[in-house]
Amino acid sequence: MKEAFESIKKGLNEAIDFAQGKEVKAKVTKINSQLNVKRVRKNLGMTQKDFALSLGISLATLRHWERGDRKPHGPALILLNLVEKDPKTVFRLLEAPA
């Protein structure tokens, strides 16, 4: 139990240091949270219906993202960032059998 506490404490201290602009040893991954979903889809030449179907999201969710009244977050945001960077690979992997 003490080891778990020390690990959590170390992580929290690193998070505080990072938030204060100090250099930390922890790996920090930055995700583009200002992603323009509509631009990503249009650059691929896909309809809303095809894009939503390809990513396994509802058409309504995609429309909310594109209008800006909702923003993707968590795994959806990561997936959209990957699609923006390398759509061929992402779609190829999504179509691959499990």
N, C-alpha and C. Protein backbone atom coordinates (compact mmCIF):
# COMPACT_ATOMS: atom_id res chain seq x y z
N MET A 1 0.83 -1.20 0.00
CA MET A 1 0.00 0.00 0.00
C MET A 1 0.87 1.25 0.00
N LYS A 2 1.98 1.19 0.73
CA LYS A 2 2.86 2.36 0.80
C LYS A 2 3.48 2.65 -0.56
N GLU A 3 3.82 1.59 -1.32
CA GLU A 3 4.41 1.78 -2.65
C GLU A 3 3.42 2.47 -3.58
N ALA A 4 2.16 2.06 -3.51
CA ALA A 4 1.13 2.68 -4.35
C ALA A 4 0.99 4.15 -4.01
N PHE A 5 0.96 4.46 -2.72
CA PHE A 5 0.84 5.85 -2.29
C PHE A 5 2.01 6.68 -2.79
N GLU A 6 3.22 6.16 -2.66
CA GLU A 6 4.42 6.90 -3.10
C GLU A 6 4.39 7.14 -4.60
N SER A 7 3.92 6.15 -5.36
CA SER A 7 3.82 6.30 -6.81
C SER A 7 2.80 7.37 -7.19
N ILE A 8 1.66 7.36 -6.53
CA ILE A 8 0.63 8.37 -6.79
C ILE A 8 1.14 9.76 -6.40
N LYS A 9 1.80 9.84 -5.25
CA LYS A 9 2.34 11.11 -4.79
C LYS A 9 3.36 11.68 -5.77
N LYS A 10 4.24 10.81 -6.27
CA LYS A 10 5.25 11.24 -7.24
C LYS A 10 4.56 11.77 -8.51
N GLY A 11 3.55 11.05 -8.98
CA GLY A 11 2.83 11.48 -10.18
C GLY A 11 2.14 12.82 -9.99
N LEU A 12 1.53 13.01 -8.83
CA LEU A 12 0.88 14.29 -8.55
C LEU A 12 1.88 15.43 -8.48
N ASN A 13 3.02 15.18 -7.86
CA ASN A 13 4.06 16.21 -7.79
C ASN A 13 4.59 16.56 -9.18
N GLU A 14 4.74 15.55 -10.06
CA GLU A 14 5.17 15.82 -11.42
C GLU A 14 4.11 16.62 -12.18
N ALA A 15 2.84 16.31 -11.94
CA ALA A 15 1.75 17.04 -12.59
C ALA A 15 1.75 18.50 -12.15
N ILE A 16 1.99 18.74 -10.88
CA ILE A 16 2.05 20.11 -10.37
C ILE A 16 3.23 20.85 -11.00
N ASP A 17 4.39 20.19 -11.04
CA ASP A 17 5.56 20.80 -11.66
C ASP A 17 5.30 21.14 -13.13
N PHE A 18 4.69 20.22 -13.85
CA PHE A 18 4.38 20.44 -15.27
C PHE A 18 3.44 21.63 -15.43
N ALA A 19 2.42 21.69 -14.60
CA ALA A 19 1.44 22.79 -14.67
C ALA A 19 2.10 24.14 -14.39
N GLN A 20 3.17 24.11 -13.60
CA GLN A 20 3.89 25.34 -13.28
C GLN A 20 4.98 25.67 -14.30
N GLY A 21 5.06 24.86 -15.35
CA GLY A 21 6.02 25.12 -16.42
C GLY A 21 7.40 24.54 -16.19
N LYS A 22 7.55 23.74 -15.16
CA LYS A 22 8.85 23.14 -14.88
C LYS A 22 9.03 21.90 -15.76
N GLU A 23 10.28 21.56 -16.03
CA GLU A 23 10.58 20.38 -16.82
C GLU A 23 10.40 19.14 -15.95
N VAL A 24 9.75 18.14 -16.51
CA VAL A 24 9.50 16.90 -15.77
C VAL A 24 9.99 15.70 -16.58
N LYS A 25 10.24 14.60 -15.89
CA LYS A 25 10.69 13.38 -16.55
C LYS A 25 9.51 12.61 -17.16
N ALA A 26 8.33 12.88 -16.68
CA ALA A 26 7.15 12.17 -17.17
C ALA A 26 6.92 12.44 -18.64
N LYS A 27 6.40 11.45 -19.36
CA LYS A 27 6.08 11.60 -20.77
C LYS A 27 4.80 12.43 -20.90
N VAL A 28 4.86 13.47 -21.70
CA VAL A 28 3.72 14.35 -21.89
C VAL A 28 3.31 14.27 -23.36
N THR A 29 2.08 13.87 -23.60
CA THR A 29 1.56 13.77 -24.96
C THR A 29 0.58 14.91 -25.18
N LYS A 30 0.81 15.66 -26.24
CA LYS A 30 -0.06 16.78 -26.54
C LYS A 30 -0.96 16.40 -27.72
N ILE A 31 -2.24 16.54 -27.51
CA ILE A 31 -3.23 16.24 -28.53
C ILE A 31 -3.86 17.55 -28.99
N ASN A 32 -4.05 17.68 -30.30
CA ASN A 32 -4.70 18.87 -30.84
C ASN A 32 -6.18 18.84 -30.47
N SER A 33 -6.56 19.61 -29.47
CA SER A 33 -7.95 19.63 -29.03
C SER A 33 -8.77 20.67 -29.79
N GLN A 34 -8.11 21.46 -30.65
CA GLN A 34 -8.80 22.48 -31.45
C GLN A 34 -9.03 21.98 -32.88
N LEU A 35 -9.08 20.69 -33.03
CA LEU A 35 -9.24 20.05 -34.33
C LEU A 35 -10.52 20.50 -35.02
N ASN A 36 -10.42 20.83 -36.30
CA ASN A 36 -11.59 21.21 -37.09
C ASN A 36 -12.09 19.95 -37.80
N VAL A 37 -13.08 19.30 -37.21
CA VAL A 37 -13.58 18.01 -37.70
C VAL A 37 -14.13 18.14 -39.12
N LYS A 38 -14.84 19.20 -39.39
CA LYS A 38 -15.41 19.39 -40.72
C LYS A 38 -14.30 19.50 -41.78
N ARG A 39 -13.24 20.22 -41.46
CA ARG A 39 -12.12 20.35 -42.39
C ARG A 39 -11.46 19.00 -42.65
N VAL A 40 -11.27 18.22 -41.59
CA VAL A 40 -10.67 16.89 -41.74
C VAL A 40 -11.51 16.05 -42.69
N ARG A 41 -12.82 16.02 -42.47
CA ARG A 41 -13.72 15.22 -43.31
C ARG A 41 -13.70 15.71 -44.75
N LYS A 42 -13.80 17.02 -44.95
CA LYS A 42 -13.83 17.58 -46.31
C LYS A 42 -12.52 17.33 -47.05
N ASN A 43 -11.40 17.40 -46.33
CA ASN A 43 -10.10 17.12 -46.96
C ASN A 43 -10.03 15.69 -47.47
N LEU A 44 -10.80 14.81 -46.86
CA LEU A 44 -10.84 13.42 -47.31
C LEU A 44 -11.87 13.20 -48.41
N GLY A 45 -12.68 14.23 -48.69
CA GLY A 45 -13.70 14.12 -49.72
C GLY A 45 -14.83 13.17 -49.35
N MET A 46 -15.11 13.06 -48.06
CA MET A 46 -16.14 12.13 -47.59
C MET A 46 -17.40 12.86 -47.19
N THR A 47 -18.53 12.19 -47.37
CA THR A 47 -19.79 12.73 -46.87
C THR A 47 -19.83 12.56 -45.37
N GLN A 48 -20.72 13.28 -44.72
CA GLN A 48 -20.88 13.12 -43.28
C GLN A 48 -21.25 11.67 -42.96
N LYS A 49 -22.16 11.12 -43.73
CA LYS A 49 -22.63 9.75 -43.48
C LYS A 49 -21.47 8.74 -43.59
N ASP A 50 -20.68 8.84 -44.66
CA ASP A 50 -19.56 7.92 -44.85
C ASP A 50 -18.48 8.09 -43.78
N PHE A 51 -18.20 9.32 -43.42
CA PHE A 51 -17.17 9.58 -42.41
C PHE A 51 -17.60 9.02 -41.06
N ALA A 52 -18.85 9.29 -40.67
CA ALA A 52 -19.36 8.78 -39.40
C ALA A 52 -19.34 7.25 -39.38
N LEU A 53 -19.79 6.65 -40.47
CA LEU A 53 -19.83 5.19 -40.56
C LEU A 53 -18.43 4.60 -40.48
N SER A 54 -17.48 5.24 -41.16
CA SER A 54 -16.10 4.75 -41.17
C SER A 54 -15.46 4.78 -39.78
N LEU A 55 -15.85 5.76 -38.97
CA LEU A 55 -15.26 5.90 -37.64
C LEU A 55 -16.09 5.25 -36.53
N GLY A 56 -17.26 4.75 -36.90
CA GLY A 56 -18.10 4.09 -35.89
C GLY A 56 -18.76 5.06 -34.93
N ILE A 57 -19.08 6.25 -35.44
CA ILE A 57 -19.78 7.23 -34.61
C ILE A 57 -21.12 7.53 -35.25
N SER A 58 -22.01 8.09 -34.48
CA SER A 58 -23.32 8.41 -35.04
C SER A 58 -23.23 9.66 -35.90
N LEU A 59 -24.09 9.74 -36.88
CA LEU A 59 -24.16 10.90 -37.75
C LEU A 59 -24.49 12.14 -36.93
N ALA A 60 -25.37 11.99 -35.94
CA ALA A 60 -25.74 13.12 -35.08
C ALA A 60 -24.53 13.66 -34.32
N THR A 61 -23.69 12.76 -33.81
CA THR A 61 -22.48 13.18 -33.09
C THR A 61 -21.56 13.96 -34.01
N LEU A 62 -21.35 13.45 -35.21
CA LEU A 62 -20.50 14.14 -36.17
C LEU A 62 -21.04 15.53 -36.48
N ARG A 63 -22.33 15.63 -36.67
CA ARG A 63 -22.93 16.93 -36.97
C ARG A 63 -22.75 17.92 -35.82
N HIS A 64 -22.87 17.44 -34.60
CA HIS A 64 -22.64 18.30 -33.43
C HIS A 64 -21.20 18.80 -33.41
N TRP A 65 -20.25 17.91 -33.70
CA TRP A 65 -18.84 18.31 -33.72
C TRP A 65 -18.60 19.34 -34.81
N GLU A 66 -19.17 19.11 -35.99
CA GLU A 66 -18.93 20.02 -37.10
C GLU A 66 -19.57 21.39 -36.87
N ARG A 67 -20.71 21.42 -36.20
CA ARG A 67 -21.35 22.70 -35.89
C ARG A 67 -20.62 23.43 -34.76
N GLY A 68 -19.90 22.68 -33.95
CA GLY A 68 -19.16 23.28 -32.85
C GLY A 68 -19.92 23.34 -31.55
N ASP A 69 -21.14 22.77 -31.50
CA ASP A 69 -21.86 22.81 -30.22
C ASP A 69 -21.41 21.68 -29.30
N ARG A 70 -20.61 20.76 -29.80
CA ARG A 70 -19.93 19.75 -28.98
C ARG A 70 -18.53 19.57 -29.53
N LYS A 71 -17.64 19.08 -28.68
CA LYS A 71 -16.27 18.82 -29.11
C LYS A 71 -15.92 17.37 -28.81
N PRO A 72 -15.20 16.74 -29.73
CA PRO A 72 -14.75 15.38 -29.44
C PRO A 72 -13.73 15.41 -28.30
N HIS A 73 -13.72 14.36 -27.50
CA HIS A 73 -12.73 14.27 -26.43
C HIS A 73 -12.35 12.81 -26.23
N GLY A 74 -11.35 12.58 -25.44
CA GLY A 74 -10.90 11.23 -25.14
C GLY A 74 -10.49 10.46 -26.38
N PRO A 75 -10.87 9.19 -26.46
CA PRO A 75 -10.47 8.34 -27.59
C PRO A 75 -10.93 8.88 -28.95
N ALA A 76 -12.09 9.52 -29.01
CA ALA A 76 -12.58 10.07 -30.27
C ALA A 76 -11.65 11.17 -30.77
N LEU A 77 -11.18 12.01 -29.87
CA LEU A 77 -10.27 13.09 -30.24
C LEU A 77 -8.94 12.52 -30.75
N ILE A 78 -8.46 11.50 -30.09
CA ILE A 78 -7.21 10.87 -30.52
C ILE A 78 -7.39 10.25 -31.90
N LEU A 79 -8.50 9.53 -32.11
CA LEU A 79 -8.76 8.92 -33.41
C LEU A 79 -8.83 9.97 -34.51
N LEU A 80 -9.52 11.06 -34.27
CA LEU A 80 -9.64 12.12 -35.27
C LEU A 80 -8.28 12.75 -35.58
N ASN A 81 -7.43 12.91 -34.58
CA ASN A 81 -6.09 13.42 -34.81
C ASN A 81 -5.28 12.46 -35.67
N LEU A 82 -5.44 11.17 -35.43
CA LEU A 82 -4.75 10.17 -36.25
C LEU A 82 -5.26 10.20 -37.69
N VAL A 83 -6.58 10.34 -37.85
CA VAL A 83 -7.16 10.41 -39.19
C VAL A 83 -6.62 11.64 -39.92
N GLU A 84 -6.48 12.74 -39.23
CA GLU A 84 -5.95 13.94 -39.86
C GLU A 84 -4.51 13.73 -40.32
N LYS A 85 -3.71 13.04 -39.52
CA LYS A 85 -2.29 12.85 -39.82
C LYS A 85 -2.04 11.77 -40.86
N ASP A 86 -2.77 10.65 -40.79
CA ASP A 86 -2.50 9.53 -41.68
C ASP A 86 -3.79 8.74 -41.95
N PRO A 87 -4.70 9.32 -42.72
CA PRO A 87 -6.00 8.69 -42.92
C PRO A 87 -5.94 7.31 -43.59
N LYS A 88 -5.03 7.14 -44.54
CA LYS A 88 -4.95 5.84 -45.24
C LYS A 88 -4.66 4.71 -44.26
N THR A 89 -3.71 4.94 -43.38
CA THR A 89 -3.34 3.91 -42.40
C THR A 89 -4.48 3.65 -41.43
N VAL A 90 -5.10 4.69 -40.93
CA VAL A 90 -6.18 4.53 -39.96
C VAL A 90 -7.33 3.74 -40.58
N PHE A 91 -7.78 4.14 -41.77
CA PHE A 91 -8.91 3.46 -42.39
C PHE A 91 -8.56 2.03 -42.78
N ARG A 92 -7.30 1.81 -43.18
CA ARG A 92 -6.87 0.44 -43.50
C ARG A 92 -6.92 -0.43 -42.25
N LEU A 93 -6.47 0.10 -41.14
CA LEU A 93 -6.48 -0.66 -39.89
C LEU A 93 -7.91 -0.88 -39.37
N LEU A 94 -8.76 0.11 -39.55
CA LEU A 94 -10.15 -0.03 -39.09
C LEU A 94 -10.90 -1.09 -39.89
N GLU A 95 -10.51 -1.29 -41.14
CA GLU A 95 -11.16 -2.28 -41.98
C GLU A 95 -10.59 -3.67 -41.80
N ALA A 96 -9.41 -3.79 -41.17
CA ALA A 96 -8.77 -5.09 -41.01
C ALA A 96 -9.58 -5.99 -40.08
N PRO A 97 -9.66 -7.28 -40.42
CA PRO A 97 -10.38 -8.20 -39.54
C PRO A 97 -9.67 -8.36 -38.20
N ALA A 98 -10.43 -8.58 -37.16
CA ALA A 98 -9.85 -8.69 -35.82
C ALA A 98 -9.08 -9.98 -35.67
